Amino acid sequence: MIGIDLIKISRMSRFIERFGEKALSRFLSASEIELVKNHKTASGFWAAKEACSKALGVGIGAECSFHDITIYKTASGAPKLKVSDRVSKKFNISDLSLSITHDGDYAVAVVAIELSATNKIK
């Protein structure tokens, strides 16, 4: 399953200017906030979490919240995703892939989710 999300970076910039670190903690964990270099990075992380929830077919809400999805980086700096055990079990997730890009005024993220061979979502 594939999900994609696009966000205008200036929207995230205004959100952070208005609410400060509280804005970031609304959708990021403390470890994720440490990875945020600027509003462009934050925009990419927002898009990644939205794209993941869209790939699951549920959007951000009760079935999958922002805090059920965690972004981390590999040793080489590539972004990766993991989901909570609750979400992983509910949707039978076996693997997640993430790509984030920034161009001009926008950040875009694409997430691909591979389900376990048994009990695929219909």
PDB file of N, CA and C in Angstrom:
ATOM      1  N   MET A   1       0.842  -1.154   0.000  1.00  0.00           N
ATOM      2  CA  MET A   1       0.000   0.000   0.000  1.00  0.00           C
ATOM      3  C   MET A   1       0.898   1.231   0.000  1.00  0.00           C
ATOM      4  N   ILE A   2       0.444   2.264  -0.687  1.00  0.00           N
ATOM      5  CA  ILE A   2       1.245   3.476  -0.846  1.00  0.00           C
ATOM      6  C   ILE A   2       0.443   4.691  -0.396  1.00  0.00           C
ATOM      7  N   GLY A   3       1.120   5.603   0.286  1.00  0.00           N
ATOM      8  CA  GLY A   3       0.515   6.870   0.683  1.00  0.00           C
ATOM      9  C   GLY A   3       1.454   8.001   0.323  1.00  0.00           C
ATOM     10  N   ILE A   4       0.898   9.150   0.017  1.00  0.00           N
ATOM     11  CA  ILE A   4       1.697  10.328  -0.332  1.00  0.00           C
ATOM     12  C   ILE A   4       1.076  11.545   0.346  1.00  0.00           C
ATOM     13  N   ASP A   5       1.934  12.498   0.714  1.00  0.00           N
ATOM     14  CA  ASP A   5       1.423  13.743   1.276  1.00  0.00           C
ATOM     15  C   ASP A   5       2.333  14.887   0.846  1.00  0.00           C
ATOM     16  N   LEU A   6       1.722  16.048   0.702  1.00  0.00           N
ATOM     17  CA  LEU A   6       2.392  17.278   0.284  1.00  0.00           C
ATOM     18  C   LEU A   6       2.012  18.364   1.276  1.00  0.00           C
ATOM     19  N   ILE A   7       2.994  19.151   1.708  1.00  0.00           N
ATOM     20  CA  ILE A   7       2.706  20.268   2.607  1.00  0.00           C
ATOM     21  C   ILE A   7       3.496  21.487   2.156  1.00  0.00           C
ATOM     22  N   LYS A   8       2.859  22.630   2.219  1.00  0.00           N
ATOM     23  CA  LYS A   8       3.540  23.888   1.926  1.00  0.00           C
ATOM     24  C   LYS A   8       4.381  24.259   3.151  1.00  0.00           C
ATOM     25  N   ILE A   9       5.660  24.442   2.949  1.00  0.00           N
ATOM     26  CA  ILE A   9       6.593  24.671   4.046  1.00  0.00           C
ATOM     27  C   ILE A   9       6.225  25.917   4.849  1.00  0.00           C
ATOM     28  N   SER A  10       5.712  26.942   4.208  1.00  0.00           N
ATOM     29  CA  SER A  10       5.334  28.164   4.929  1.00  0.00           C
ATOM     30  C   SER A  10       4.216  27.899   5.939  1.00  0.00           C
ATOM     31  N   ARG A  11       3.376  26.913   5.673  1.00  0.00           N
ATOM     32  CA  ARG A  11       2.316  26.538   6.624  1.00  0.00           C
ATOM     33  C   ARG A  11       2.933  26.023   7.916  1.00  0.00           C
ATOM     34  N   MET A  12       3.949  25.171   7.790  1.00  0.00           N
ATOM     35  CA  MET A  12       4.638  24.643   8.970  1.00  0.00           C
ATOM     36  C   MET A  12       5.396  25.759   9.680  1.00  0.00           C
ATOM     37  N   SER A  13       5.998  26.645   8.921  1.00  0.00           N
ATOM     38  CA  SER A  13       6.736  27.761   9.504  1.00  0.00           C
ATOM     39  C   SER A  13       5.814  28.618  10.386  1.00  0.00           C
ATOM     40  N   ARG A  14       4.638  28.929   9.886  1.00  0.00           N
ATOM     41  CA  ARG A  14       3.665  29.709  10.666  1.00  0.00           C
ATOM     42  C   ARG A  14       3.209  28.955  11.918  1.00  0.00           C
ATOM     43  N   PHE A  15       3.009  27.662  11.778  1.00  0.00           N
ATOM     44  CA  PHE A  15       2.587  26.810  12.892  1.00  0.00           C
ATOM     45  C   PHE A  15       3.636  26.849  14.008  1.00  0.00           C
ATOM     46  N   ILE A  16       4.913  26.723  13.634  1.00  0.00           N
ATOM     47  CA  ILE A  16       6.001  26.737  14.618  1.00  0.00           C
ATOM     48  C   ILE A  16       6.169  28.135  15.214  1.00  0.00           C
ATOM     49  N   GLU A  17       6.079  29.166  14.393  1.00  0.00           N
ATOM     50  CA  GLU A  17       6.197  30.535  14.907  1.00  0.00           C
ATOM     51  C   GLU A  17       5.096  30.840  15.920  1.00  0.00           C
ATOM     52  N   ARG A  18       3.923  30.342  15.673  1.00  0.00           N
ATOM     53  CA  ARG A  18       2.783  30.633  16.548  1.00  0.00           C
ATOM     54  C   ARG A  18       2.833  29.854  17.862  1.00  0.00           C
ATOM     55  N   PHE A  19       3.219  28.574  17.798  1.00  0.00           N
ATOM     56  CA  PHE A  19       3.129  27.722  18.979  1.00  0.00           C
ATOM     57  C   PHE A  19       4.474  27.215  19.509  1.00  0.00           C
ATOM     58  N   GLY A  20       5.575  27.507  18.822  1.00  0.00           N
ATOM     59  CA  GLY A  20       6.895  27.086  19.288  1.00  0.00           C
ATOM     60  C   GLY A  20       7.035  25.581  19.338  1.00  0.00           C
ATOM     61  N   GLU A  21       7.777  25.100  20.338  1.00  0.00           N
ATOM     62  CA  GLU A  21       8.032  23.663  20.444  1.00  0.00           C
ATOM     63  C   GLU A  21       6.754  22.877  20.726  1.00  0.00           C
ATOM     64  N   LYS A  22       5.734  23.522  21.291  1.00  0.00           N
ATOM     65  CA  LYS A  22       4.449  22.843  21.488  1.00  0.00           C
ATOM     66  C   LYS A  22       3.884  22.368  20.154  1.00  0.00           C
ATOM     67  N   ALA A  23       4.127  23.146  19.106  1.00  0.00           N
ATOM     68  CA  ALA A  23       3.665  22.748  17.771  1.00  0.00           C
ATOM     69  C   ALA A  23       4.312  21.438  17.376  1.00  0.00           C
ATOM     70  N   LEU A  24       5.614  21.343  17.585  1.00  0.00           N
ATOM     71  CA  LEU A  24       6.329  20.125  17.213  1.00  0.00           C
ATOM     72  C   LEU A  24       5.884  18.936  18.059  1.00  0.00           C
ATOM     73  N   SER A  25       5.689  19.153  19.360  1.00  0.00           N
ATOM     74  CA  SER A  25       5.308  18.033  20.227  1.00  0.00           C
ATOM     75  C   SER A  25       3.897  17.534  19.937  1.00  0.00           C
ATOM     76  N   ARG A  26       3.140  18.305  19.200  1.00  0.00           N
ATOM     77  CA  ARG A  26       1.800  17.845  18.808  1.00  0.00           C
ATOM     78  C   ARG A  26       1.883  16.632  17.879  1.00  0.00           C
ATOM     79  N   PHE A  27       2.935  16.584  17.059  1.00  0.00           N
ATOM     80  CA  PHE A  27       3.023  15.468  16.114  1.00  0.00           C
ATOM     81  C   PHE A  27       4.354  14.718  16.146  1.00  0.00           C
ATOM     82  N   LEU A  28       5.297  15.164  16.984  1.00  0.00           N
ATOM     83  CA  LEU A  28       6.604  14.510  17.067  1.00  0.00           C
ATOM     84  C   LEU A  28       6.938  14.129  18.504  1.00  0.00           C
ATOM     85  N   SER A  29       7.710  13.062  18.654  1.00  0.00           N
ATOM     86  CA  SER A  29       8.237  12.670  19.961  1.00  0.00           C
ATOM     87  C   SER A  29       9.481  13.506  20.260  1.00  0.00           C
ATOM     88  N   ALA A  30       9.970  13.424  21.483  1.00  0.00           N
ATOM     89  CA  ALA A  30      11.177  14.171  21.865  1.00  0.00           C
ATOM     90  C   ALA A  30      12.367  13.778  20.995  1.00  0.00           C
ATOM     91  N   SER A  31      12.522  12.492  20.696  1.00  0.00           N
ATOM     92  CA  SER A  31      13.650  12.053  19.867  1.00  0.00           C
ATOM     93  C   SER A  31      13.519  12.557  18.430  1.00  0.00           C
ATOM     94  N   GLU A  32      12.295  12.678  17.933  1.00  0.00           N
ATOM     95  CA  GLU A  32      12.083  13.202  16.589  1.00  0.00           C
ATOM     96  C   GLU A  32      12.365  14.710  16.555  1.00  0.00           C
ATOM     97  N   ILE A  33      11.965  15.419  17.602  1.00  0.00           N
ATOM     98  CA  ILE A  33      12.203  16.864  17.673  1.00  0.00           C
ATOM     99  C   ILE A  33      13.707  17.146  17.608  1.00  0.00           C
ATOM    100  N   GLU A  34      14.516  16.281  18.221  1.00  0.00           N
ATOM    101  CA  GLU A  34      15.973  16.440  18.162  1.00  0.00           C
ATOM    102  C   GLU A  34      16.503  16.369  16.730  1.00  0.00           C
ATOM    103  N   LEU A  35      15.800  15.673  15.844  1.00  0.00           N
ATOM    104  CA  LEU A  35      16.224  15.537  14.449  1.00  0.00           C
ATOM    105  C   LEU A  35      15.814  16.726  13.585  1.00  0.00           C
ATOM    106  N   VAL A  36      14.877  17.531  14.080  1.00  0.00           N
ATOM    107  CA  VAL A  36      14.366  18.660  13.298  1.00  0.00           C
ATOM    108  C   VAL A  36      15.396  19.778  13.283  1.00  0.00           C
ATOM    109  N   LYS A  37      15.856  20.112  12.077  1.00  0.00           N
ATOM    110  CA  LYS A  37      16.850  21.173  11.913  1.00  0.00           C
ATOM    111  C   LYS A  37      16.191  22.521  11.688  1.00  0.00           C
ATOM    112  N   ASN A  38      15.026  22.509  11.038  1.00  0.00           N
ATOM    113  CA  ASN A  38      14.329  23.750  10.692  1.00  0.00           C
ATOM    114  C   ASN A  38      12.895  23.416  10.268  1.00  0.00           C
ATOM    115  N   HIS A  39      12.168  24.434   9.841  1.00  0.00           N
ATOM    116  CA  HIS A  39      10.768  24.206   9.454  1.00  0.00           C
ATOM    117  C   HIS A  39      10.637  23.315   8.215  1.00  0.00           C
ATOM    118  N   LYS A  40      11.680  23.251   7.378  1.00  0.00           N
ATOM    119  CA  LYS A  40      11.634  22.350   6.216  1.00  0.00           C
ATOM    120  C   LYS A  40      11.661  20.898   6.664  1.00  0.00           C
ATOM    121  N   THR A  41      12.543  20.596   7.623  1.00  0.00           N
ATOM    122  CA  THR A  41      12.611  19.232   8.154  1.00  0.00           C
ATOM    123  C   THR A  41      11.292  18.863   8.818  1.00  0.00           C
ATOM    124  N   ALA A  42      10.761  19.779   9.628  1.00  0.00           N
ATOM    125  CA  ALA A  42       9.485  19.529  10.303  1.00  0.00           C
ATOM    126  C   ALA A  42       8.380  19.261   9.288  1.00  0.00           C
ATOM    127  N   SER A  43       8.381  20.016   8.200  1.00  0.00           N
ATOM    128  CA  SER A  43       7.378  19.810   7.139  1.00  0.00           C
ATOM    129  C   SER A  43       7.482  18.414   6.546  1.00  0.00           C
ATOM    130  N   GLY A  44       8.698  17.976   6.290  1.00  0.00           N
ATOM    131  CA  GLY A  44       8.902  16.633   5.748  1.00  0.00           C
ATOM    132  C   GLY A  44       8.423  15.557   6.702  1.00  0.00           C
ATOM    133  N   PHE A  45       8.659  15.754   8.004  1.00  0.00           N
ATOM    134  CA  PHE A  45       8.213  14.783   8.996  1.00  0.00           C
ATOM    135  C   PHE A  45       6.685  14.743   9.076  1.00  0.00           C
ATOM    136  N   TRP A  46       6.058  15.913   9.012  1.00  0.00           N
ATOM    137  CA  TRP A  46       4.583  15.964   9.008  1.00  0.00           C
ATOM    138  C   TRP A  46       4.057  15.180   7.804  1.00  0.00           C
ATOM    139  N   ALA A  47       4.619  15.469   6.631  1.00  0.00           N
ATOM    140  CA  ALA A  47       4.174  14.796   5.405  1.00  0.00           C
ATOM    141  C   ALA A  47       4.388  13.288   5.505  1.00  0.00           C
ATOM    142  N   ALA A  48       5.495  12.869   6.118  1.00  0.00           N
ATOM    143  CA  ALA A  48       5.781  11.438   6.247  1.00  0.00           C
ATOM    144  C   ALA A  48       4.723  10.739   7.095  1.00  0.00           C
ATOM    145  N   LYS A  49       4.358  11.353   8.193  1.00  0.00           N
ATOM    146  CA  LYS A  49       3.359  10.731   9.066  1.00  0.00           C
ATOM    147  C   LYS A  49       1.979  10.715   8.407  1.00  0.00           C
ATOM    148  N   GLU A  50       1.642  11.786   7.716  1.00  0.00           N
ATOM    149  CA  GLU A  50       0.366  11.818   6.983  1.00  0.00           C
ATOM    150  C   GLU A  50       0.366  10.751   5.877  1.00  0.00           C
ATOM    151  N   ALA A  51       1.462  10.633   5.153  1.00  0.00           N
ATOM    152  CA  ALA A  51       1.551   9.645   4.074  1.00  0.00           C
ATOM    153  C   ALA A  51       1.430   8.227   4.615  1.00  0.00           C
ATOM    154  N   CYS A  52       2.031   7.978   5.771  1.00  0.00           N
ATOM    155  CA  CYS A  52       1.941   6.650   6.384  1.00  0.00           C
ATOM    156  C   CYS A  52       0.488   6.320   6.739  1.00  0.00           C
ATOM    157  N   SER A  53      -0.204   7.270   7.362  1.00  0.00           N
ATOM    158  CA  SER A  53      -1.596   7.009   7.742  1.00  0.00           C
ATOM    159  C   SER A  53      -2.484   6.828   6.505  1.00  0.00           C
ATOM    160  N   LYS A  54      -2.170   7.542   5.439  1.00  0.00           N
ATOM    161  CA  LYS A  54      -2.923   7.384   4.189  1.00  0.00           C
ATOM    162  C   LYS A  54      -2.662   6.025   3.560  1.00  0.00           C
ATOM    163  N   ALA A  55      -1.427   5.551   3.649  1.00  0.00           N
ATOM    164  CA  ALA A  55      -1.114   4.220   3.117  1.00  0.00           C
ATOM    165  C   ALA A  55      -1.899   3.148   3.859  1.00  0.00           C
ATOM    166  N   LEU A  56      -2.147   3.388   5.133  1.00  0.00           N
ATOM    167  CA  LEU A  56      -2.957   2.447   5.913  1.00  0.00           C
ATOM    168  C   LEU A  56      -4.435   2.560   5.593  1.00  0.00           C
ATOM    169  N   GLY A  57      -4.817   3.645   4.935  1.00  0.00           N
ATOM    170  CA  GLY A  57      -6.207   3.839   4.542  1.00  0.00           C
ATOM    171  C   GLY A  57      -7.087   4.418   5.636  1.00  0.00           C
ATOM    172  N   VAL A  58      -6.466   4.985   6.687  1.00  0.00           N
ATOM    173  CA  VAL A  58      -7.265   5.487   7.799  1.00  0.00           C
ATOM    174  C   VAL A  58      -7.045   6.965   8.095  1.00  0.00           C
ATOM    175  N   GLY A  59      -5.973   7.554   7.633  1.00  0.00           N
ATOM    176  CA  GLY A  59      -5.654   8.926   7.993  1.00  0.00           C
ATOM    177  C   GLY A  59      -5.248   9.011   9.458  1.00  0.00           C
ATOM    178  N   ILE A  60      -4.868  10.211   9.880  1.00  0.00           N
ATOM    179  CA  ILE A  60      -4.498  10.424  11.282  1.00  0.00           C
ATOM    180  C   ILE A  60      -5.775  10.494  12.096  1.00  0.00           C
ATOM    181  N   GLY A  61      -5.849   9.683  13.132  1.00  0.00           N
ATOM    182  CA  GLY A  61      -7.042   9.642  13.978  1.00  0.00           C
ATOM    183  C   GLY A  61      -6.903   8.562  15.023  1.00  0.00           C
ATOM    184  N   ALA A  62      -8.019   7.998  15.426  1.00  0.00           N
ATOM    185  CA  ALA A  62      -8.037   7.004  16.504  1.00  0.00           C
ATOM    186  C   ALA A  62      -7.304   5.718  16.132  1.00  0.00           C
ATOM    187  N   GLU A  63      -7.393   5.314  14.871  1.00  0.00           N
ATOM    188  CA  GLU A  63      -6.755   4.055  14.467  1.00  0.00           C
ATOM    189  C   GLU A  63      -5.247   4.184  14.312  1.00  0.00           C
ATOM    190  N   CYS A  64      -4.780   5.400  14.040  1.00  0.00           N
ATOM    191  CA  CYS A  64      -3.343   5.652  13.871  1.00  0.00           C
ATOM    192  C   CYS A  64      -3.087   7.135  14.135  1.00  0.00           C
ATOM    193  N   SER A  65      -2.484   7.438  15.276  1.00  0.00           N
ATOM    194  CA  SER A  65      -2.216   8.827  15.626  1.00  0.00           C
ATOM    195  C   SER A  65      -0.811   9.218  15.176  1.00  0.00           C
ATOM    196  N   PHE A  66      -0.520  10.514  15.215  1.00  0.00           N
ATOM    197  CA  PHE A  66       0.832  10.983  14.902  1.00  0.00           C
ATOM    198  C   PHE A  66       1.868  10.262  15.756  1.00  0.00           C
ATOM    199  N   HIS A  67       1.530   9.999  17.018  1.00  0.00           N
ATOM    200  CA  HIS A  67       2.498   9.395  17.937  1.00  0.00           C
ATOM    201  C   HIS A  67       2.576   7.879  17.825  1.00  0.00           C
ATOM    202  N   ASP A  68       1.757   7.278  16.966  1.00  0.00           N
ATOM    203  CA  ASP A  68       1.903   5.858  16.643  1.00  0.00           C
ATOM    204  C   ASP A  68       2.973   5.652  15.576  1.00  0.00           C
ATOM    205  N   ILE A  69       3.402   6.725  14.948  1.00  0.00           N
ATOM    206  CA  ILE A  69       4.382   6.672  13.860  1.00  0.00           C
ATOM    207  C   ILE A  69       5.640   7.393  14.324  1.00  0.00           C
ATOM    208  N   THR A  70       6.780   6.737  14.218  1.00  0.00           N
ATOM    209  CA  THR A  70       8.049   7.329  14.645  1.00  0.00           C
ATOM    210  C   THR A  70       9.006   7.395  13.468  1.00  0.00           C
ATOM    211  N   ILE A  71       9.651   8.544  13.325  1.00  0.00           N
ATOM    212  CA  ILE A  71      10.667   8.742  12.289  1.00  0.00           C
ATOM    213  C   ILE A  71      12.033   8.727  12.968  1.00  0.00           C
ATOM    214  N   TYR A  72      12.957   8.012  12.363  1.00  0.00           N
ATOM    215  CA  TYR A  72      14.331   7.990  12.852  1.00  0.00           C
ATOM    216  C   TYR A  72      15.240   8.008  11.633  1.00  0.00           C
ATOM    217  N   LYS A  73      16.522   8.108  11.848  1.00  0.00           N
ATOM    218  CA  LYS A  73      17.460   8.148  10.730  1.00  0.00           C
ATOM    219  C   LYS A  73      18.473   7.024  10.855  1.00  0.00           C
ATOM    220  N   THR A  74      18.883   6.497   9.715  1.00  0.00           N
ATOM    221  CA  THR A  74      19.929   5.484   9.685  1.00  0.00           C
ATOM    222  C   THR A  74      21.274   6.163   9.937  1.00  0.00           C
ATOM    223  N   ALA A  75      22.323   5.367  10.072  1.00  0.00           N
ATOM    224  CA  ALA A  75      23.670   5.906  10.291  1.00  0.00           C
ATOM    225  C   ALA A  75      24.083   6.829   9.144  1.00  0.00           C
ATOM    226  N   SER A  76      23.569   6.565   7.946  1.00  0.00           N
ATOM    227  CA  SER A  76      23.913   7.399   6.788  1.00  0.00           C
ATOM    228  C   SER A  76      22.976   8.600   6.633  1.00  0.00           C
ATOM    229  N   GLY A  77      21.993   8.723   7.540  1.00  0.00           N
ATOM    230  CA  GLY A  77      21.102   9.881   7.522  1.00  0.00           C
ATOM    231  C   GLY A  77      19.791   9.700   6.776  1.00  0.00           C
ATOM    232  N   ALA A  78      19.535   8.499   6.266  1.00  0.00           N
ATOM    233  CA  ALA A  78      18.283   8.250   5.548  1.00  0.00           C
ATOM    234  C   ALA A  78      17.122   8.155   6.542  1.00  0.00           C
ATOM    235  N   PRO A  79      15.979   8.788   6.222  1.00  0.00           N
ATOM    236  CA  PRO A  79      14.833   8.694   7.128  1.00  0.00           C
ATOM    237  C   PRO A  79      14.167   7.323   7.044  1.00  0.00           C
ATOM    238  N   LYS A  80      13.737   6.842   8.186  1.00  0.00           N
ATOM    239  CA  LYS A  80      13.042   5.561   8.277  1.00  0.00           C
ATOM    240  C   LYS A  80      11.829   5.744   9.179  1.00  0.00           C
ATOM    241  N   LEU A  81      10.887   4.827   9.068  1.00  0.00           N
ATOM    242  CA  LEU A  81       9.663   4.839   9.873  1.00  0.00           C
ATOM    243  C   LEU A  81       9.527   3.562  10.669  1.00  0.00           C
ATOM    244  N   LYS A  82       8.919   3.707  11.833  1.00  0.00           N
ATOM    245  CA  LYS A  82       8.424   2.538  12.545  1.00  0.00           C
ATOM    246  C   LYS A  82       7.076   2.929  13.124  1.00  0.00           C
ATOM    247  N   VAL A  83       6.239   1.943  13.333  1.00  0.00           N
ATOM    248  CA  VAL A  83       4.923   2.199  13.904  1.00  0.00           C
ATOM    249  C   VAL A  83       4.804   1.462  15.229  1.00  0.00           C
ATOM    250  N   SER A  84       3.858   1.897  16.043  1.00  0.00           N
ATOM    251  CA  SER A  84       3.644   1.257  17.343  1.00  0.00           C
ATOM    252  C   SER A  84       3.264  -0.209  17.135  1.00  0.00           C
ATOM    253  N   ASP A  85       3.503  -1.006  18.168  1.00  0.00           N
ATOM    254  CA  ASP A  85       3.130  -2.416  18.095  1.00  0.00           C
ATOM    255  C   ASP A  85       1.636  -2.571  17.833  1.00  0.00           C
ATOM    256  N   ARG A  86       0.832  -1.700  18.436  1.00  0.00           N
ATOM    257  CA  ARG A  86      -0.632  -1.762  18.252  1.00  0.00           C
ATOM    258  C   ARG A  86      -0.999  -1.614  16.782  1.00  0.00           C
ATOM    259  N   VAL A  87      -0.425  -0.621  16.115  1.00  0.00           N
ATOM    260  CA  VAL A  87      -0.719  -0.379  14.697  1.00  0.00           C
ATOM    261  C   VAL A  87      -0.133  -1.489  13.837  1.00  0.00           C
ATOM    262  N   SER A  88       1.083  -1.903  14.150  1.00  0.00           N
ATOM    263  CA  SER A  88       1.720  -2.968  13.373  1.00  0.00           C
ATOM    264  C   SER A  88       0.886  -4.246  13.394  1.00  0.00           C
ATOM    265  N   LYS A  89       0.391  -4.610  14.560  1.00  0.00           N
ATOM    266  CA  LYS A  89      -0.424  -5.824  14.684  1.00  0.00           C
ATOM    267  C   LYS A  89      -1.787  -5.659  14.025  1.00  0.00           C
ATOM    268  N   LYS A  90      -2.410  -4.499  14.247  1.00  0.00           N
ATOM    269  CA  LYS A  90      -3.750  -4.265  13.689  1.00  0.00           C
ATOM    270  C   LYS A  90      -3.754  -4.358  12.164  1.00  0.00           C
ATOM    271  N   PHE A  91      -2.707  -3.821  11.531  1.00  0.00           N
ATOM    272  CA  PHE A  91      -2.657  -3.775  10.070  1.00  0.00           C
ATOM    273  C   PHE A  91      -1.745  -4.836   9.459  1.00  0.00           C
ATOM    274  N   ASN A  92      -1.151  -5.698  10.288  1.00  0.00           N
ATOM    275  CA  ASN A  92      -0.284  -6.784   9.805  1.00  0.00           C
ATOM    276  C   ASN A  92       0.887  -6.272   8.969  1.00  0.00           C
ATOM    277  N   ILE A  93       1.569  -5.260   9.467  1.00  0.00           N
ATOM    278  CA  ILE A  93       2.671  -4.634   8.731  1.00  0.00           C
ATOM    279  C   ILE A  93       3.937  -5.459   8.874  1.00  0.00           C
ATOM    280  N   SER A  94       4.573  -5.739   7.741  1.00  0.00           N
ATOM    281  CA  SER A  94       5.851  -6.449   7.792  1.00  0.00           C
ATOM    282  C   SER A  94       7.028  -5.531   7.452  1.00  0.00           C
ATOM    283  N   ASP A  95       6.786  -4.454   6.695  1.00  0.00           N
ATOM    284  CA  ASP A  95       7.883  -3.541   6.347  1.00  0.00           C
ATOM    285  C   ASP A  95       7.322  -2.185   5.942  1.00  0.00           C
ATOM    286  N   LEU A  96       8.121  -1.135   6.171  1.00  0.00           N
ATOM    287  CA  LEU A  96       7.758   0.236   5.811  1.00  0.00           C
ATOM    288  C   LEU A  96       8.926   0.871   5.061  1.00  0.00           C
ATOM    289  N   SER A  97       8.622   1.655   4.041  1.00  0.00           N
ATOM    290  CA  SER A  97       9.636   2.413   3.316  1.00  0.00           C
ATOM    291  C   SER A  97       9.177   3.863   3.252  1.00  0.00           C
ATOM    292  N   LEU A  98      10.144   4.787   3.336  1.00  0.00           N
ATOM    293  CA  LEU A  98       9.849   6.212   3.354  1.00  0.00           C
ATOM    294  C   LEU A  98      10.800   6.968   2.454  1.00  0.00           C
ATOM    295  N   SER A  99      10.259   7.933   1.722  1.00  0.00           N
ATOM    296  CA  SER A  99      11.065   8.882   0.967  1.00  0.00           C
ATOM    297  C   SER A  99      10.489  10.271   1.214  1.00  0.00           C
ATOM    298  N   ILE A 100      11.374  11.216   1.556  1.00  0.00           N
ATOM    299  CA  ILE A 100      10.974  12.613   1.782  1.00  0.00           C
ATOM    300  C   ILE A 100      11.801  13.480   0.845  1.00  0.00           C
ATOM    301  N   THR A 101      11.155  14.457   0.216  1.00  0.00           N
ATOM    302  CA  THR A 101      11.881  15.416  -0.614  1.00  0.00           C
ATOM    303  C   THR A 101      11.331  16.812  -0.386  1.00  0.00           C
ATOM    304  N   HIS A 102      12.170  17.782  -0.634  1.00  0.00           N
ATOM    305  CA  HIS A 102      11.790  19.192  -0.511  1.00  0.00           C
ATOM    306  C   HIS A 102      12.128  19.865  -1.836  1.00  0.00           C
ATOM    307  N   ASP A 103      11.208  20.697  -2.322  1.00  0.00           N
ATOM    308  CA  ASP A 103      11.466  21.461  -3.538  1.00  0.00           C
ATOM    309  C   ASP A 103      10.737  22.791  -3.430  1.00  0.00           C
ATOM    310  N   GLY A 104      11.487  23.854  -3.455  1.00  0.00           N
ATOM    311  CA  GLY A 104      10.875  25.175  -3.373  1.00  0.00           C
ATOM    312  C   GLY A 104      10.074  25.334  -2.108  1.00  0.00           C
ATOM    313  N   ASP A 105       8.799  25.590  -2.262  1.00  0.00           N
ATOM    314  CA  ASP A 105       7.912  25.861  -1.131  1.00  0.00           C
ATOM    315  C   ASP A 105       7.241  24.620  -0.556  1.00  0.00           C
ATOM    316  N   TYR A 106       7.629  23.436  -1.008  1.00  0.00           N
ATOM    317  CA  TYR A 106       6.899  22.228  -0.620  1.00  0.00           C
ATOM    318  C   TYR A 106       7.804  21.119  -0.101  1.00  0.00           C
ATOM    319  N   ALA A 107       7.220  20.301   0.765  1.00  0.00           N
ATOM    320  CA  ALA A 107       7.825  19.043   1.204  1.00  0.00           C
ATOM    321  C   ALA A 107       6.852  17.935   0.812  1.00  0.00           C
ATOM    322  N   VAL A 108       7.397  16.845   0.314  1.00  0.00           N
ATOM    323  CA  VAL A 108       6.587  15.710  -0.127  1.00  0.00           C
ATOM    324  C   VAL A 108       7.154  14.440   0.501  1.00  0.00           C
ATOM    325  N   ALA A 109       6.272  13.560   0.928  1.00  0.00           N
ATOM    326  CA  ALA A 109       6.695  12.266   1.451  1.00  0.00           C
ATOM    327  C   ALA A 109       5.850  11.166   0.814  1.00  0.00           C
ATOM    328  N   VAL A 110       6.513  10.048   0.565  1.00  0.00           N
ATOM    329  CA  VAL A 110       5.848   8.857   0.046  1.00  0.00           C
ATOM    330  C   VAL A 110       6.194   7.703   0.982  1.00  0.00           C
ATOM    331  N   VAL A 111       5.186   6.939   1.354  1.00  0.00           N
ATOM    332  CA  VAL A 111       5.377   5.778   2.217  1.00  0.00           C
ATOM    333  C   VAL A 111       4.800   4.552   1.517  1.00  0.00           C
ATOM    334  N   ALA A 112       5.574   3.485   1.524  1.00  0.00           N
ATOM    335  CA  ALA A 112       5.108   2.190   1.023  1.00  0.00           C
ATOM    336  C   ALA A 112       5.067   1.233   2.209  1.00  0.00           C
ATOM    337  N   ILE A 113       3.964   0.542   2.340  1.00  0.00           N
ATOM    338  CA  ILE A 113       3.783  -0.410   3.431  1.00  0.00           C
ATOM    339  C   ILE A 113       3.589  -1.793   2.849  1.00  0.00           C
ATOM    340  N   GLU A 114       4.380  -2.714   3.354  1.00  0.00           N
ATOM    341  CA  GLU A 114       4.245  -4.112   2.953  1.00  0.00           C
ATOM    342  C   GLU A 114       3.550  -4.852   4.083  1.00  0.00           C
ATOM    343  N   LEU A 115       2.510  -5.592   3.728  1.00  0.00           N
ATOM    344  CA  LEU A 115       1.775  -6.363   4.708  1.00  0.00           C
ATOM    345  C   LEU A 115       2.308  -7.781   4.770  1.00  0.00           C
ATOM    346  N   SER A 116       2.122  -8.427   5.918  1.00  0.00           N
ATOM    347  CA  SER A 116       2.529  -9.826   6.023  1.00  0.00           C
ATOM    348  C   SER A 116       1.672 -10.641   5.061  1.00  0.00           C
ATOM    349  N   ALA A 117       2.174 -11.763   4.646  1.00  0.00           N
ATOM    350  CA  ALA A 117       1.492 -12.577   3.639  1.00  0.00           C
ATOM    351  C   ALA A 117       0.118 -13.044   4.092  1.00  0.00           C
ATOM    352  N   THR A 118      -0.071 -13.207   5.398  1.00  0.00           N
ATOM    353  CA  THR A 118      -1.365 -13.635   5.906  1.00  0.00           C
ATOM    354  C   THR A 118      -2.165 -12.444   6.395  1.00  0.00           C
ATOM    355  N   ASN A 119      -3.437 -12.542   6.313  1.00  0.00           N
ATOM    356  CA  ASN A 119      -4.358 -11.517   6.832  1.00  0.00           C
ATOM    357  C   ASN A 119      -4.171 -10.142   6.205  1.00  0.00           C
ATOM    358  N   LYS A 120      -4.001 -10.066   4.925  1.00  0.00           N
ATOM    359  CA  LYS A 120      -3.871  -8.760   4.266  1.00  0.00           C
ATOM    360  C   LYS A 120      -5.164  -7.990   4.397  1.00  0.00           C
ATOM    361  N   ILE A 121      -5.020  -6.656   4.488  1.00  0.00           N
ATOM    362  CA  ILE A 121      -6.194  -5.781   4.572  1.00  0.00           C
ATOM    363  C   ILE A 121      -6.957  -5.851   3.263  1.00  0.00           C
ATOM    364  N   LYS A 122      -8.256  -5.866   3.355  1.00  0.00           N
ATOM    365  CA  LYS A 122      -9.087  -5.917   2.145  1.00  0.00           C
ATOM    366  C   LYS A 122      -9.648  -4.561   1.860  1.00  0.00           C
TER     367      LYS A 122
END
